Amino acid sequence: MNQTIATMLEHRSIRQFTSQPISAEQRDVIVKAGLAASSSSLLQVVSIVRVTDQDKRLLLAEYAGGQAYVASAAEFLVFCIDYQRHIAINPEVQADFTELTLIGAVDAGIMAQNCLLAAESLGLGGVYIGGLRNNAQKVDELLNLPQGTAVLFGMCLGHPDQDPDIKPRLPADVIMHENVYQPLDKNDIHTYDASMQHYYAHRAGNQKQTTWSQQTTSKLSGESRPHMLPYLQSKGLTKR
């Protein structure tokens, strides 16, 4: 195993940070790693808004559901799908196809993961903030995003002030299929649920008495940000 893979396998979401800043050199390397990510047809339809204004940070923490680390992390980056520059180059660009929204979301995820892995390789830590989509329109207005550009998620980065345990993941046998999709073996899920119960019961903070199955199916049984479709459509995206 090389150091790159070791860094990947050691991933933990970090939500507590020291007051130490990230150096300009570190930040530049992190962004360059993101820019080096794969891009569908080299469309490069992602923009990053680095938020340094503390008043904006406090509002973003509120919009994200009261996640205080949005305000306290050394860096906070907002990843956006962005077709505005393409439209500026050529007004005939048709950015409202659902396929193009999918491309933007996929490419943003790839770019962000590159950034996070680069940060972790430097001894830093971070966490994704999908909660920005709780109030996507307010975030959009705060960051003054133009038409063709929409908020997707944020990312906190900083020097870790915690050392959480690694959260268990579904086994490869459940995720990986060969040639055709294989039916689910619920015994695998029962085993995984037991490992998650043990993890939740023994981690240092925020202990829970629940299983992965209970937690995820409960979340998926209700509405999931239904305002996102009209928001994206208002930005000229996902109309057809």
Protein backbone atom coordinates (compact mmCIF):
# COMPACT_ATOMS: atom_id res chain seq x y z
CA MET A 1 0.00 0.00 0.00
CA ASN A 2 1.35 3.44 -0.91
CA GLN A 3 0.85 6.71 0.97
CA THR A 4 -1.88 7.94 -1.39
CA ILE A 5 -4.07 4.91 -0.71
CA ALA A 6 -3.28 5.06 3.01
CA THR A 7 -4.51 8.67 3.07
CA MET A 8 -7.74 7.65 1.33
CA LEU A 9 -8.39 4.79 3.74
CA GLU A 10 -7.77 7.04 6.77
CA HIS A 11 -10.50 9.52 5.76
CA ARG A 12 -12.63 10.93 8.57
CA SER A 13 -14.94 13.94 8.48
CA ILE A 14 -13.44 16.68 10.66
CA ARG A 15 -15.79 19.17 12.29
CA GLN A 16 -13.56 20.65 14.98
CA PHE A 17 -10.61 22.80 13.97
CA THR A 18 -7.81 24.68 15.69
CA SER A 19 -7.40 28.42 15.14
CA GLN A 20 -4.30 27.84 13.00
CA PRO A 21 -4.76 29.18 9.46
CA ILE A 22 -4.05 27.27 6.27
CA SER A 23 -1.05 28.83 4.53
CA ALA A 24 -1.40 30.42 1.10
CA GLU A 25 0.97 27.76 -0.26
CA GLN A 26 -1.19 24.95 1.12
CA ARG A 27 -4.35 26.55 -0.23
CA ASP A 28 -2.82 26.97 -3.68
CA VAL A 29 -1.79 23.30 -3.77
CA ILE A 30 -5.28 22.20 -2.69
CA VAL A 31 -6.94 24.26 -5.43
CA LYS A 32 -4.45 23.09 -8.06
CA ALA A 33 -5.23 19.49 -7.10
CA GLY A 34 -8.91 20.26 -7.61
CA LEU A 35 -8.29 21.84 -11.00
CA ALA A 36 -6.37 18.73 -12.07
CA ALA A 37 -9.48 16.58 -11.61
CA SER A 38 -11.21 14.84 -14.51
CA SER A 39 -13.69 17.02 -16.40
CA SER A 40 -16.35 15.65 -18.76
CA SER A 41 -15.37 16.66 -22.32
CA LEU A 42 -13.12 19.27 -20.66
CA LEU A 43 -16.22 21.42 -20.21
CA GLN A 44 -14.89 22.61 -16.83
CA VAL A 45 -18.31 23.59 -15.50
CA VAL A 46 -17.40 24.08 -11.82
CA SER A 47 -16.60 27.25 -9.90
CA ILE A 48 -15.40 27.55 -6.30
CA VAL A 49 -16.30 30.53 -4.11
CA ARG A 50 -13.82 30.98 -1.28
CA VAL A 51 -15.66 32.74 1.54
CA THR A 52 -13.42 34.83 3.81
CA ASP A 53 -15.94 37.42 5.01
CA GLN A 54 -16.84 36.41 8.57
CA ASP A 55 -20.32 37.88 8.41
CA LYS A 56 -21.04 35.77 5.33
CA ARG A 57 -19.56 32.74 7.09
CA LEU A 58 -21.91 33.19 10.02
CA LEU A 59 -24.89 33.44 7.68
CA LEU A 60 -23.78 30.36 5.75
CA ALA A 61 -23.45 28.43 9.01
CA GLU A 62 -27.04 29.44 9.81
CA TYR A 63 -28.30 28.59 6.31
CA ALA A 64 -26.63 25.18 6.53
CA GLY A 65 -28.69 24.29 9.59
CA GLY A 66 -26.61 25.76 12.39
CA GLN A 67 -23.33 24.03 11.55
CA ALA A 68 -20.96 26.24 13.54
CA TYR A 69 -17.80 24.84 11.95
CA VAL A 70 -18.77 26.58 8.69
CA ALA A 71 -17.85 29.79 10.48
CA SER A 72 -14.88 28.50 12.48
CA ALA A 73 -12.94 26.47 9.90
CA ALA A 74 -9.77 28.01 8.50
CA GLU A 75 -11.21 27.86 4.98
CA PHE A 76 -14.71 27.51 3.60
CA LEU A 77 -15.21 26.73 -0.07
CA VAL A 78 -18.52 26.65 -1.92
CA PHE A 79 -18.65 24.45 -5.02
CA CYS A 80 -21.03 25.57 -7.76
CA ILE A 81 -22.18 24.23 -11.08
CA ASP A 82 -21.24 26.99 -13.56
CA TYR A 83 -22.34 27.43 -17.16
CA GLN A 84 -22.29 31.23 -16.97
CA ARG A 85 -18.81 31.54 -18.50
CA HIS A 86 -19.82 29.31 -21.40
CA ILE A 87 -22.93 31.41 -22.01
CA ALA A 88 -20.77 34.55 -21.85
CA ILE A 89 -18.51 33.11 -24.54
CA ASN A 90 -21.45 32.08 -26.74
CA PRO A 91 -25.08 33.10 -25.90
CA GLU A 92 -26.34 30.17 -27.98
CA VAL A 93 -25.14 27.70 -25.31
CA GLN A 94 -28.12 25.64 -24.08
CA ALA A 95 -27.34 24.86 -20.45
CA ASP A 96 -30.85 23.81 -19.44
CA PHE A 97 -30.57 20.09 -20.26
CA THR A 98 -30.73 17.74 -17.27
CA GLU A 99 -27.66 15.92 -18.62
CA LEU A 100 -25.61 19.09 -18.27
CA THR A 101 -26.73 19.52 -14.66
CA LEU A 102 -25.65 15.94 -13.97
CA ILE A 103 -22.27 16.63 -15.57
CA GLY A 104 -21.83 19.70 -13.37
CA ALA A 105 -22.74 17.81 -10.19
CA VAL A 106 -20.46 14.87 -11.05
CA ASP A 107 -17.53 17.09 -11.98
CA ALA A 108 -17.96 19.20 -8.83
CA GLY A 109 -17.84 16.06 -6.70
CA ILE A 110 -14.68 14.87 -8.43
CA MET A 111 -13.00 18.26 -8.07
CA ALA A 112 -13.97 18.58 -4.41
CA GLN A 113 -12.69 15.11 -3.57
CA ASN A 114 -9.36 15.98 -5.16
CA CYS A 115 -9.23 19.08 -2.97
CA LEU A 116 -10.08 17.16 0.19
CA LEU A 117 -7.57 14.38 -0.51
CA ALA A 118 -4.88 16.96 -1.15
CA ALA A 119 -5.75 18.68 2.13
CA GLU A 120 -5.67 15.40 4.05
CA SER A 121 -2.30 14.53 2.53
CA LEU A 122 -0.99 17.79 4.03
CA GLY A 123 -2.20 16.81 7.51
CA LEU A 124 -5.35 18.94 7.27
CA GLY A 125 -8.95 17.80 7.59
CA GLY A 126 -12.35 18.78 6.33
CA VAL A 127 -16.01 18.00 5.88
CA TYR A 128 -18.56 18.44 3.11
CA ILE A 129 -21.51 20.73 3.79
CA GLY A 130 -24.52 19.60 1.77
CA GLY A 131 -26.65 21.58 4.23
CA LEU A 132 -26.14 24.68 2.09
CA ARG A 133 -28.90 23.26 -0.09
CA ASN A 134 -31.31 23.67 2.84
CA ASN A 135 -31.44 27.33 1.84
CA ALA A 136 -30.00 27.26 -1.66
CA GLN A 137 -31.70 30.48 -2.76
CA LYS A 138 -30.37 32.43 0.24
CA VAL A 139 -26.85 31.08 -0.32
CA ASP A 140 -27.16 31.97 -4.00
CA GLU A 141 -28.13 35.55 -3.20
CA LEU A 142 -25.43 35.92 -0.55
CA LEU A 143 -22.75 34.85 -3.03
CA ASN A 144 -24.30 36.79 -5.92
CA LEU A 145 -24.37 33.82 -8.26
CA PRO A 146 -25.39 34.67 -11.84
CA GLN A 147 -27.78 32.79 -14.13
CA GLY A 148 -26.40 29.44 -15.25
CA THR A 149 -24.61 29.07 -11.91
CA ALA A 150 -26.01 27.29 -8.86
CA VAL A 151 -24.79 26.24 -5.42
CA LEU A 152 -24.13 22.53 -4.87
CA PHE A 153 -22.28 22.10 -1.55
CA GLY A 154 -19.63 23.57 0.70
CA MET A 155 -16.41 22.30 2.23
CA CYS A 156 -14.76 23.21 5.55
CA LEU A 157 -10.98 22.84 5.70
CA GLY A 158 -8.57 23.36 8.55
CA HIS A 159 -6.17 21.87 11.07
CA PRO A 160 -7.99 19.07 12.95
CA ASP A 161 -8.79 19.54 16.61
CA GLN A 162 -10.29 16.05 16.96
CA ASP A 163 -9.35 12.49 16.06
CA PRO A 164 -12.60 10.63 15.34
CA ASP A 165 -12.77 6.93 14.62
CA ILE A 166 -13.11 5.80 11.03
CA LYS A 167 -16.78 5.17 10.27
CA PRO A 168 -17.42 1.68 8.85
CA ARG A 169 -18.55 1.47 5.22
CA LEU A 170 -20.69 -1.09 3.44
CA PRO A 171 -18.54 -4.07 2.41
CA ALA A 172 -17.27 -4.28 -1.16
CA ASP A 173 -19.42 -7.38 -1.76
CA VAL A 174 -22.54 -5.22 -1.37
CA ILE A 175 -21.30 -2.35 -3.53
CA MET A 176 -19.43 -4.25 -6.25
CA HIS A 177 -21.42 -6.24 -8.82
CA GLU A 178 -19.96 -8.41 -11.58
CA ASN A 179 -21.40 -8.29 -15.11
CA VAL A 180 -24.98 -7.84 -13.90
CA TYR A 181 -26.65 -6.35 -10.85
CA GLN A 182 -26.80 -8.89 -8.04
CA PRO A 183 -29.73 -9.20 -5.59
CA LEU A 184 -29.09 -7.92 -2.09
CA ASP A 185 -28.09 -10.45 0.55
CA LYS A 186 -29.71 -9.02 3.67
CA ASN A 187 -27.35 -11.03 5.85
CA ASP A 188 -24.59 -8.69 4.66
CA ILE A 189 -26.69 -5.73 5.77
CA HIS A 190 -27.40 -7.31 9.17
CA THR A 191 -23.65 -7.78 9.69
CA TYR A 192 -22.97 -4.19 8.65
CA ASP A 193 -25.74 -2.88 10.89
CA ALA A 194 -24.11 -4.65 13.83
CA SER A 195 -20.75 -3.03 13.06
CA MET A 196 -22.40 0.41 12.86
CA GLN A 197 -24.21 -0.14 16.17
CA HIS A 198 -20.87 -0.97 17.77
CA TYR A 199 -19.28 2.13 16.18
CA TYR A 200 -22.05 4.46 17.37
CA ALA A 201 -22.04 2.98 20.88
CA HIS A 202 -18.28 3.31 21.37
CA ARG A 203 -17.31 6.52 19.61
CA ALA A 204 -16.24 9.42 21.80
CA GLY A 205 -19.13 11.78 21.06
CA ASN A 206 -22.70 11.80 19.72
CA GLN A 207 -23.35 8.18 20.62
CA LYS A 208 -26.45 6.65 19.04
CA GLN A 209 -28.51 3.51 19.40
CA THR A 210 -29.50 2.89 15.81
CA THR A 211 -28.51 0.88 12.77
CA TRP A 212 -27.45 2.05 9.33
CA SER A 213 -30.61 0.53 7.85
CA GLN A 214 -32.89 2.35 10.28
CA GLN A 215 -31.10 5.66 9.89
CA THR A 216 -30.91 5.71 6.10
CA THR A 217 -34.35 4.32 5.31
CA SER A 218 -35.88 6.81 7.74
CA LYS A 219 -34.13 9.65 5.94
CA LEU A 220 -35.20 8.36 2.53
CA SER A 221 -38.84 7.92 3.59
CA GLY A 222 -39.53 11.65 3.67
CA GLU A 223 -39.10 14.67 1.42
CA SER A 224 -35.60 15.53 0.35
CA ARG A 225 -35.25 19.25 -0.38
CA PRO A 226 -38.09 19.49 -2.91
CA HIS A 227 -37.21 23.17 -3.41
CA MET A 228 -34.04 22.18 -5.30
CA LEU A 229 -35.79 21.51 -8.62
CA PRO A 230 -37.47 24.93 -8.86
CA TYR A 231 -34.24 26.53 -7.61
CA LEU A 232 -32.17 24.90 -10.36
CA GLN A 233 -34.82 25.72 -12.95
CA SER A 234 -34.80 29.36 -11.82
CA LYS A 235 -31.08 29.40 -12.60
CA GLY A 236 -31.69 28.16 -16.15
CA LEU A 237 -30.78 24.55 -15.39
CA THR A 238 -32.59 21.17 -15.45
CA LYS A 239 -35.52 22.34 -17.59
CA ARG A 240 -35.57 19.45 -20.06
